[in-house]
Protein backbone atom coordinates (compact mmCIF):
# COMPACT_ATOMS: atom_id res chain seq x y z
CA UNK A 1 0.00 0.00 0.00
CA UNK A 2 1.09 3.54 -0.58
CA UNK A 3 -0.08 6.59 1.26
CA UNK A 4 -0.62 10.29 0.77
CA UNK A 5 -1.46 13.06 3.16
CA UNK A 6 -4.19 15.63 3.22
CA UNK A 7 -3.45 17.91 6.14
CA UNK A 8 -3.01 15.57 9.09
CA UNK A 9 -4.99 12.74 7.45
CA UNK A 10 -3.19 9.76 5.95
CA UNK A 11 -4.85 8.09 2.99
CA UNK A 12 -3.88 4.61 1.80
CA UNK A 13 -4.36 2.85 -1.51
CA UNK A 14 -3.57 -0.57 -2.86
CA UNK A 15 -0.16 -1.25 -4.37
CA UNK A 16 -2.18 -2.63 -7.32
CA UNK A 17 -3.49 0.84 -8.10
CA UNK A 18 -3.26 1.71 -11.78
CA UNK A 19 -0.57 4.17 -12.91
CA UNK A 20 -3.21 6.64 -14.13
CA UNK A 21 -4.38 7.20 -10.54
CA UNK A 22 -7.77 5.45 -10.84
CA UNK A 23 -7.90 4.22 -7.26
CA UNK A 24 -10.08 4.09 -4.22
CA UNK A 25 -8.35 5.51 -1.15
CA UNK A 26 -9.13 4.83 2.50
CA UNK A 27 -8.46 6.73 5.70
CA UNK A 28 -8.86 4.68 8.86
CA UNK A 29 -9.43 6.04 12.34
CA UNK A 30 -10.74 4.45 15.53
CA UNK A 31 -14.14 6.05 14.92
CA UNK A 32 -14.60 5.76 11.16
CA UNK A 33 -13.43 4.71 7.73
CA UNK A 34 -13.46 7.33 4.98
CA UNK A 35 -13.41 6.40 1.29
CA UNK A 36 -12.65 8.66 -1.67
CA UNK A 37 -11.74 8.60 -5.36
CA UNK A 38 -8.04 9.36 -5.81
CA UNK A 39 -8.81 11.50 -8.87
CA UNK A 40 -10.98 13.77 -6.73
CA UNK A 41 -8.81 13.98 -3.62
CA UNK A 42 -10.45 17.12 -2.30
CA UNK A 43 -13.88 16.02 -3.50
CA UNK A 44 -16.65 14.10 -1.74
CA UNK A 45 -15.94 11.28 0.67
CA UNK A 46 -18.00 8.44 2.03
CA UNK A 47 -17.84 7.92 5.79
CA UNK A 48 -18.66 4.68 7.60
CA UNK A 49 -18.59 3.79 11.27
CA UNK A 50 -16.46 0.77 12.11
CA UNK A 51 -19.36 -1.68 12.40
CA UNK A 52 -20.85 -0.63 9.05
CA UNK A 53 -17.46 -0.98 7.36
CA UNK A 54 -16.99 -4.48 8.79
CA UNK A 55 -20.46 -5.45 7.57
CA UNK A 56 -19.64 -4.12 4.09
CA UNK A 57 -16.37 -6.09 3.95
CA UNK A 58 -18.10 -9.26 5.13
CA UNK A 59 -20.50 -9.07 2.19
CA UNK A 60 -17.90 -7.85 -0.33
CA UNK A 61 -15.48 -10.73 0.21
CA UNK A 62 -18.11 -13.45 -0.30
PDB file of N, CA and C in Angstrom:
ATOM      1  N   UNK A   1       0.841  -1.177   0.000  1.00  0.00           N
ATOM      2  CA  UNK A   1       0.000   0.000   0.000  1.00  0.00           C
ATOM      3  C   UNK A   1       0.884   1.238   0.000  1.00  0.00           C
ATOM      4  N   UNK A   2       0.398   2.268  -0.630  1.00  0.00           N
ATOM      5  CA  UNK A   2       1.089   3.543  -0.584  1.00  0.00           C
ATOM      6  C   UNK A   2       0.181   4.538   0.102  1.00  0.00           C
ATOM      7  N   UNK A   3       0.738   5.620   0.547  1.00  0.00           N
ATOM      8  CA  UNK A   3      -0.085   6.588   1.264  1.00  0.00           C
ATOM      9  C   UNK A   3       0.183   7.997   0.774  1.00  0.00           C
ATOM     10  N   UNK A   4      -0.759   8.867   1.038  1.00  0.00           N
ATOM     11  CA  UNK A   4      -0.618  10.288   0.767  1.00  0.00           C
ATOM     12  C   UNK A   4      -1.235  11.039   1.919  1.00  0.00           C
ATOM     13  N   UNK A   5      -0.916  12.297   2.044  1.00  0.00           N
ATOM     14  CA  UNK A   5      -1.459  13.060   3.159  1.00  0.00           C
ATOM     15  C   UNK A   5      -2.352  14.171   2.651  1.00  0.00           C
ATOM     16  N   UNK A   6      -3.292  14.522   3.460  1.00  0.00           N
ATOM     17  CA  UNK A   6      -4.194  15.632   3.219  1.00  0.00           C
ATOM     18  C   UNK A   6      -4.322  16.330   4.562  1.00  0.00           C
ATOM     19  N   UNK A   7      -3.498  17.332   4.815  1.00  0.00           N
ATOM     20  CA  UNK A   7      -3.447  17.914   6.143  1.00  0.00           C
ATOM     21  C   UNK A   7      -2.834  16.903   7.080  1.00  0.00           C
ATOM     22  N   UNK A   8      -3.529  16.570   8.154  1.00  0.00           N
ATOM     23  CA  UNK A   8      -3.011  15.566   9.088  1.00  0.00           C
ATOM     24  C   UNK A   8      -3.613  14.187   8.847  1.00  0.00           C
ATOM     25  N   UNK A   9      -4.379  14.031   7.773  1.00  0.00           N
ATOM     26  CA  UNK A   9      -4.987  12.743   7.450  1.00  0.00           C
ATOM     27  C   UNK A   9      -4.045  11.936   6.567  1.00  0.00           C
ATOM     28  N   UNK A  10      -3.986  10.641   6.797  1.00  0.00           N
ATOM     29  CA  UNK A  10      -3.186   9.761   5.947  1.00  0.00           C
ATOM     30  C   UNK A  10      -4.139   8.858   5.181  1.00  0.00           C
ATOM     31  N   UNK A  11      -4.034   8.909   3.874  1.00  0.00           N
ATOM     32  CA  UNK A  11      -4.853   8.091   2.994  1.00  0.00           C
ATOM     33  C   UNK A  11      -4.011   6.952   2.462  1.00  0.00           C
ATOM     34  N   UNK A  12      -4.599   5.778   2.323  1.00  0.00           N
ATOM     35  CA  UNK A  12      -3.882   4.615   1.799  1.00  0.00           C
ATOM     36  C   UNK A  12      -4.596   4.097   0.561  1.00  0.00           C
ATOM     37  N   UNK A  13      -3.801   3.479  -0.307  1.00  0.00           N
ATOM     38  CA  UNK A  13      -4.358   2.852  -1.508  1.00  0.00           C
ATOM     39  C   UNK A  13      -3.586   1.573  -1.781  1.00  0.00           C
ATOM     40  N   UNK A  14      -4.177   0.711  -2.526  1.00  0.00           N
ATOM     41  CA  UNK A  14      -3.568  -0.568  -2.861  1.00  0.00           C
ATOM     42  C   UNK A  14      -2.316  -0.379  -3.705  1.00  0.00           C
ATOM     43  N   UNK A  15      -1.353  -1.259  -3.517  1.00  0.00           N
ATOM     44  CA  UNK A  15      -0.165  -1.252  -4.370  1.00  0.00           C
ATOM     45  C   UNK A  15      -0.523  -1.688  -5.790  1.00  0.00           C
ATOM     46  N   UNK A  16      -1.703  -2.224  -5.988  1.00  0.00           N
ATOM     47  CA  UNK A  16      -2.181  -2.627  -7.322  1.00  0.00           C
ATOM     48  C   UNK A  16      -2.900  -1.493  -8.042  1.00  0.00           C
ATOM     49  N   UNK A  17      -2.854  -0.323  -7.495  1.00  0.00           N
ATOM     50  CA  UNK A  17      -3.490   0.842  -8.096  1.00  0.00           C
ATOM     51  C   UNK A  17      -2.900   1.093  -9.478  1.00  0.00           C
ATOM     52  N   UNK A  18      -3.740   1.481 -10.415  1.00  0.00           N
ATOM     53  CA  UNK A  18      -3.260   1.713 -11.781  1.00  0.00           C
ATOM     54  C   UNK A  18      -2.391   2.969 -11.844  1.00  0.00           C
ATOM     55  N   UNK A  19      -1.473   3.013 -12.795  1.00  0.00           N
ATOM     56  CA  UNK A  19      -0.569   4.166 -12.914  1.00  0.00           C
ATOM     57  C   UNK A  19      -1.292   5.479 -13.229  1.00  0.00           C
ATOM     58  N   UNK A  20      -2.491   5.409 -13.798  1.00  0.00           N
ATOM     59  CA  UNK A  20      -3.210   6.641 -14.125  1.00  0.00           C
ATOM     60  C   UNK A  20      -4.043   7.167 -12.962  1.00  0.00           C
ATOM     61  N   UNK A  21      -3.787   6.661 -11.774  1.00  0.00           N
ATOM     62  CA  UNK A  21      -4.378   7.196 -10.541  1.00  0.00           C
ATOM     63  C   UNK A  21      -5.871   6.921 -10.413  1.00  0.00           C
ATOM     64  N   UNK A  22      -6.365   5.841 -10.991  1.00  0.00           N
ATOM     65  CA  UNK A  22      -7.765   5.449 -10.840  1.00  0.00           C
ATOM     66  C   UNK A  22      -7.884   4.498  -9.661  1.00  0.00           C
ATOM     67  N   UNK A  23      -7.942   5.047  -8.472  1.00  0.00           N
ATOM     68  CA  UNK A  23      -7.904   4.225  -7.262  1.00  0.00           C
ATOM     69  C   UNK A  23      -8.965   4.671  -6.266  1.00  0.00           C
ATOM     70  N   UNK A  24      -9.288   3.766  -5.398  1.00  0.00           N
ATOM     71  CA  UNK A  24     -10.077   4.094  -4.223  1.00  0.00           C
ATOM     72  C   UNK A  24      -9.090   4.233  -3.075  1.00  0.00           C
ATOM     73  N   UNK A  25      -9.222   5.289  -2.296  1.00  0.00           N
ATOM     74  CA  UNK A  25      -8.346   5.513  -1.153  1.00  0.00           C
ATOM     75  C   UNK A  25      -9.158   5.425   0.133  1.00  0.00           C
ATOM     76  N   UNK A  26      -8.500   4.966   1.191  1.00  0.00           N
ATOM     77  CA  UNK A  26      -9.132   4.827   2.503  1.00  0.00           C
ATOM     78  C   UNK A  26      -8.358   5.602   3.549  1.00  0.00           C
ATOM     79  N   UNK A  27      -9.080   6.142   4.512  1.00  0.00           N
ATOM     80  CA  UNK A  27      -8.462   6.725   5.701  1.00  0.00           C
ATOM     81  C   UNK A  27      -9.132   6.081   6.904  1.00  0.00           C
ATOM     82  N   UNK A  28      -8.342   5.412   7.702  1.00  0.00           N
ATOM     83  CA  UNK A  28      -8.858   4.681   8.856  1.00  0.00           C
ATOM     84  C   UNK A  28      -8.614   5.467  10.128  1.00  0.00           C
ATOM     85  N   UNK A  29      -9.587   5.474  11.001  1.00  0.00           N
ATOM     86  CA  UNK A  29      -9.433   6.038  12.338  1.00  0.00           C
ATOM     87  C   UNK A  29     -10.203   5.136  13.296  1.00  0.00           C
ATOM     88  N   UNK A  30      -9.996   5.290  14.581  1.00  0.00           N
ATOM     89  CA  UNK A  30     -10.739   4.448  15.528  1.00  0.00           C
ATOM     90  C   UNK A  30     -12.257   4.615  15.419  1.00  0.00           C
ATOM     91  N   UNK A  31     -12.704   5.781  14.982  1.00  0.00           N
ATOM     92  CA  UNK A  31     -14.138   6.050  14.917  1.00  0.00           C
ATOM     93  C   UNK A  31     -14.765   5.736  13.567  1.00  0.00           C
ATOM     94  N   UNK A  32     -13.976   5.864  12.482  1.00  0.00           N
ATOM     95  CA  UNK A  32     -14.601   5.764  11.163  1.00  0.00           C
ATOM     96  C   UNK A  32     -13.613   5.311  10.094  1.00  0.00           C
ATOM     97  N   UNK A  33     -14.194   4.999   8.940  1.00  0.00           N
ATOM     98  CA  UNK A  33     -13.432   4.713   7.726  1.00  0.00           C
ATOM     99  C   UNK A  33     -13.966   5.676   6.673  1.00  0.00           C
ATOM    100  N   UNK A  34     -13.068   6.412   6.049  1.00  0.00           N
ATOM    101  CA  UNK A  34     -13.457   7.331   4.980  1.00  0.00           C
ATOM    102  C   UNK A  34     -12.942   6.782   3.662  1.00  0.00           C
ATOM    103  N   UNK A  35     -13.735   6.934   2.616  1.00  0.00           N
ATOM    104  CA  UNK A  35     -13.412   6.404   1.294  1.00  0.00           C
ATOM    105  C   UNK A  35     -13.552   7.546   0.290  1.00  0.00           C
ATOM    106  N   UNK A  36     -12.582   7.625  -0.633  1.00  0.00           N
ATOM    107  CA  UNK A  36     -12.651   8.657  -1.668  1.00  0.00           C
ATOM    108  C   UNK A  36     -12.047   8.147  -2.970  1.00  0.00           C
ATOM    109  N   UNK A  37     -12.320   8.852  -4.041  1.00  0.00           N
ATOM    110  CA  UNK A  37     -11.744   8.597  -5.359  1.00  0.00           C
ATOM    111  C   UNK A  37     -10.428   9.361  -5.432  1.00  0.00           C
ATOM    112  N   UNK A  38      -9.343   8.695  -5.772  1.00  0.00           N
ATOM    113  CA  UNK A  38      -8.039   9.358  -5.806  1.00  0.00           C
ATOM    114  C   UNK A  38      -7.986  10.498  -6.824  1.00  0.00           C
ATOM    115  N   UNK A  39      -8.799  10.432  -7.873  1.00  0.00           N
ATOM    116  CA  UNK A  39      -8.811  11.500  -8.872  1.00  0.00           C
ATOM    117  C   UNK A  39      -9.477  12.759  -8.339  1.00  0.00           C
ATOM    118  N   UNK A  40     -10.257  12.634  -7.301  1.00  0.00           N
ATOM    119  CA  UNK A  40     -10.981  13.770  -6.726  1.00  0.00           C
ATOM    120  C   UNK A  40     -10.612  13.901  -5.254  1.00  0.00           C
ATOM    121  N   UNK A  41      -9.319  13.990  -4.992  1.00  0.00           N
ATOM    122  CA  UNK A  41      -8.810  13.977  -3.622  1.00  0.00           C
ATOM    123  C   UNK A  41      -9.465  14.963  -2.677  1.00  0.00           C
ATOM    124  N   UNK A  42      -9.799  16.133  -3.161  1.00  0.00           N
ATOM    125  CA  UNK A  42     -10.455  17.122  -2.304  1.00  0.00           C
ATOM    126  C   UNK A  42     -11.971  17.072  -2.454  1.00  0.00           C
ATOM    127  N   UNK A  43     -12.456  16.135  -3.239  1.00  0.00           N
ATOM    128  CA  UNK A  43     -13.884  16.023  -3.503  1.00  0.00           C
ATOM    129  C   UNK A  43     -14.626  15.271  -2.414  1.00  0.00           C
ATOM    130  N   UNK A  44     -15.807  14.776  -2.730  1.00  0.00           N
ATOM    131  CA  UNK A  44     -16.651  14.100  -1.743  1.00  0.00           C
ATOM    132  C   UNK A  44     -16.014  12.822  -1.208  1.00  0.00           C
ATOM    133  N   UNK A  45     -16.407  12.492   0.001  1.00  0.00           N
ATOM    134  CA  UNK A  45     -15.939  11.279   0.673  1.00  0.00           C
ATOM    135  C   UNK A  45     -17.143  10.550   1.250  1.00  0.00           C
ATOM    136  N   UNK A  46     -17.022   9.241   1.315  1.00  0.00           N
ATOM    137  CA  UNK A  46     -18.005   8.435   2.032  1.00  0.00           C
ATOM    138  C   UNK A  46     -17.440   8.167   3.418  1.00  0.00           C
ATOM    139  N   UNK A  47     -18.281   8.193   4.429  1.00  0.00           N
ATOM    140  CA  UNK A  47     -17.838   7.922   5.795  1.00  0.00           C
ATOM    141  C   UNK A  47     -18.681   6.793   6.373  1.00  0.00           C
ATOM    142  N   UNK A  48     -18.007   5.835   6.989  1.00  0.00           N
ATOM    143  CA  UNK A  48     -18.656   4.677   7.597  1.00  0.00           C
ATOM    144  C   UNK A  48     -18.179   4.538   9.029  1.00  0.00           C
ATOM    145  N   UNK A  49     -19.082   4.165   9.939  1.00  0.00           N
ATOM    146  CA  UNK A  49     -18.595   3.793  11.265  1.00  0.00           C
ATOM    147  C   UNK A  49     -17.968   2.405  11.151  1.00  0.00           C
ATOM    148  N   UNK A  50     -17.214   2.021  12.173  1.00  0.00           N
ATOM    149  CA  UNK A  50     -16.458   0.765  12.111  1.00  0.00           C
ATOM    150  C   UNK A  50     -17.360  -0.447  11.885  1.00  0.00           C
ATOM    151  N   UNK A  51     -18.502  -0.501  12.551  1.00  0.00           N
ATOM    152  CA  UNK A  51     -19.359  -1.684  12.398  1.00  0.00           C
ATOM    153  C   UNK A  51     -19.970  -1.754  10.999  1.00  0.00           C
ATOM    154  N   UNK A  52     -20.327  -0.632  10.424  1.00  0.00           N
ATOM    155  CA  UNK A  52     -20.854  -0.628   9.052  1.00  0.00           C
ATOM    156  C   UNK A  52     -19.786  -1.045   8.055  1.00  0.00           C
ATOM    157  N   UNK A  53     -18.554  -0.600   8.255  1.00  0.00           N
ATOM    158  CA  UNK A  53     -17.455  -0.977   7.359  1.00  0.00           C
ATOM    159  C   UNK A  53     -17.195  -2.477   7.435  1.00  0.00           C
ATOM    160  N   UNK A  54     -17.189  -3.031   8.645  1.00  0.00           N
ATOM    161  CA  UNK A  54     -16.988  -4.482   8.794  1.00  0.00           C
ATOM    162  C   UNK A  54     -18.104  -5.247   8.098  1.00  0.00           C
ATOM    163  N   UNK A  55     -19.331  -4.783   8.231  1.00  0.00           N
ATOM    164  CA  UNK A  55     -20.459  -5.448   7.571  1.00  0.00           C
ATOM    165  C   UNK A  55     -20.304  -5.390   6.051  1.00  0.00           C
ATOM    166  N   UNK A  56     -19.886  -4.251   5.529  1.00  0.00           N
ATOM    167  CA  UNK A  56     -19.643  -4.125   4.091  1.00  0.00           C
ATOM    168  C   UNK A  56     -18.572  -5.109   3.634  1.00  0.00           C
ATOM    169  N   UNK A  57     -17.452  -5.179   4.337  1.00  0.00           N
ATOM    170  CA  UNK A  57     -16.372  -6.087   3.953  1.00  0.00           C
ATOM    171  C   UNK A  57     -16.807  -7.544   4.019  1.00  0.00           C
ATOM    172  N   UNK A  58     -17.611  -7.890   5.002  1.00  0.00           N
ATOM    173  CA  UNK A  58     -18.098  -9.262   5.127  1.00  0.00           C
ATOM    174  C   UNK A  58     -18.873  -9.668   3.878  1.00  0.00           C
ATOM    175  N   UNK A  59     -19.718  -8.782   3.392  1.00  0.00           N
ATOM    176  CA  UNK A  59     -20.502  -9.072   2.190  1.00  0.00           C
ATOM    177  C   UNK A  59     -19.621  -9.011   0.940  1.00  0.00           C
ATOM    178  N   UNK A  60     -18.718  -8.048   0.872  1.00  0.00           N
ATOM    179  CA  UNK A  60     -17.895  -7.848  -0.328  1.00  0.00           C
ATOM    180  C   UNK A  60     -16.943  -9.005  -0.596  1.00  0.00           C
ATOM    181  N   UNK A  61     -16.470  -9.673   0.437  1.00  0.00           N
ATOM    182  CA  UNK A  61     -15.485 -10.734   0.214  1.00  0.00           C
ATOM    183  C   UNK A  61     -16.121 -12.095  -0.034  1.00  0.00           C
ATOM    184  N   UNK A  62     -17.425 -12.174  -0.024  1.00  0.00           N
ATOM    185  CA  UNK A  62     -18.107 -13.448  -0.296  1.00  0.00           C
ATOM    186  C   UNK A  62     -18.024 -13.827  -1.736  1.00  0.00           C
TER     187      UNK A  62
END
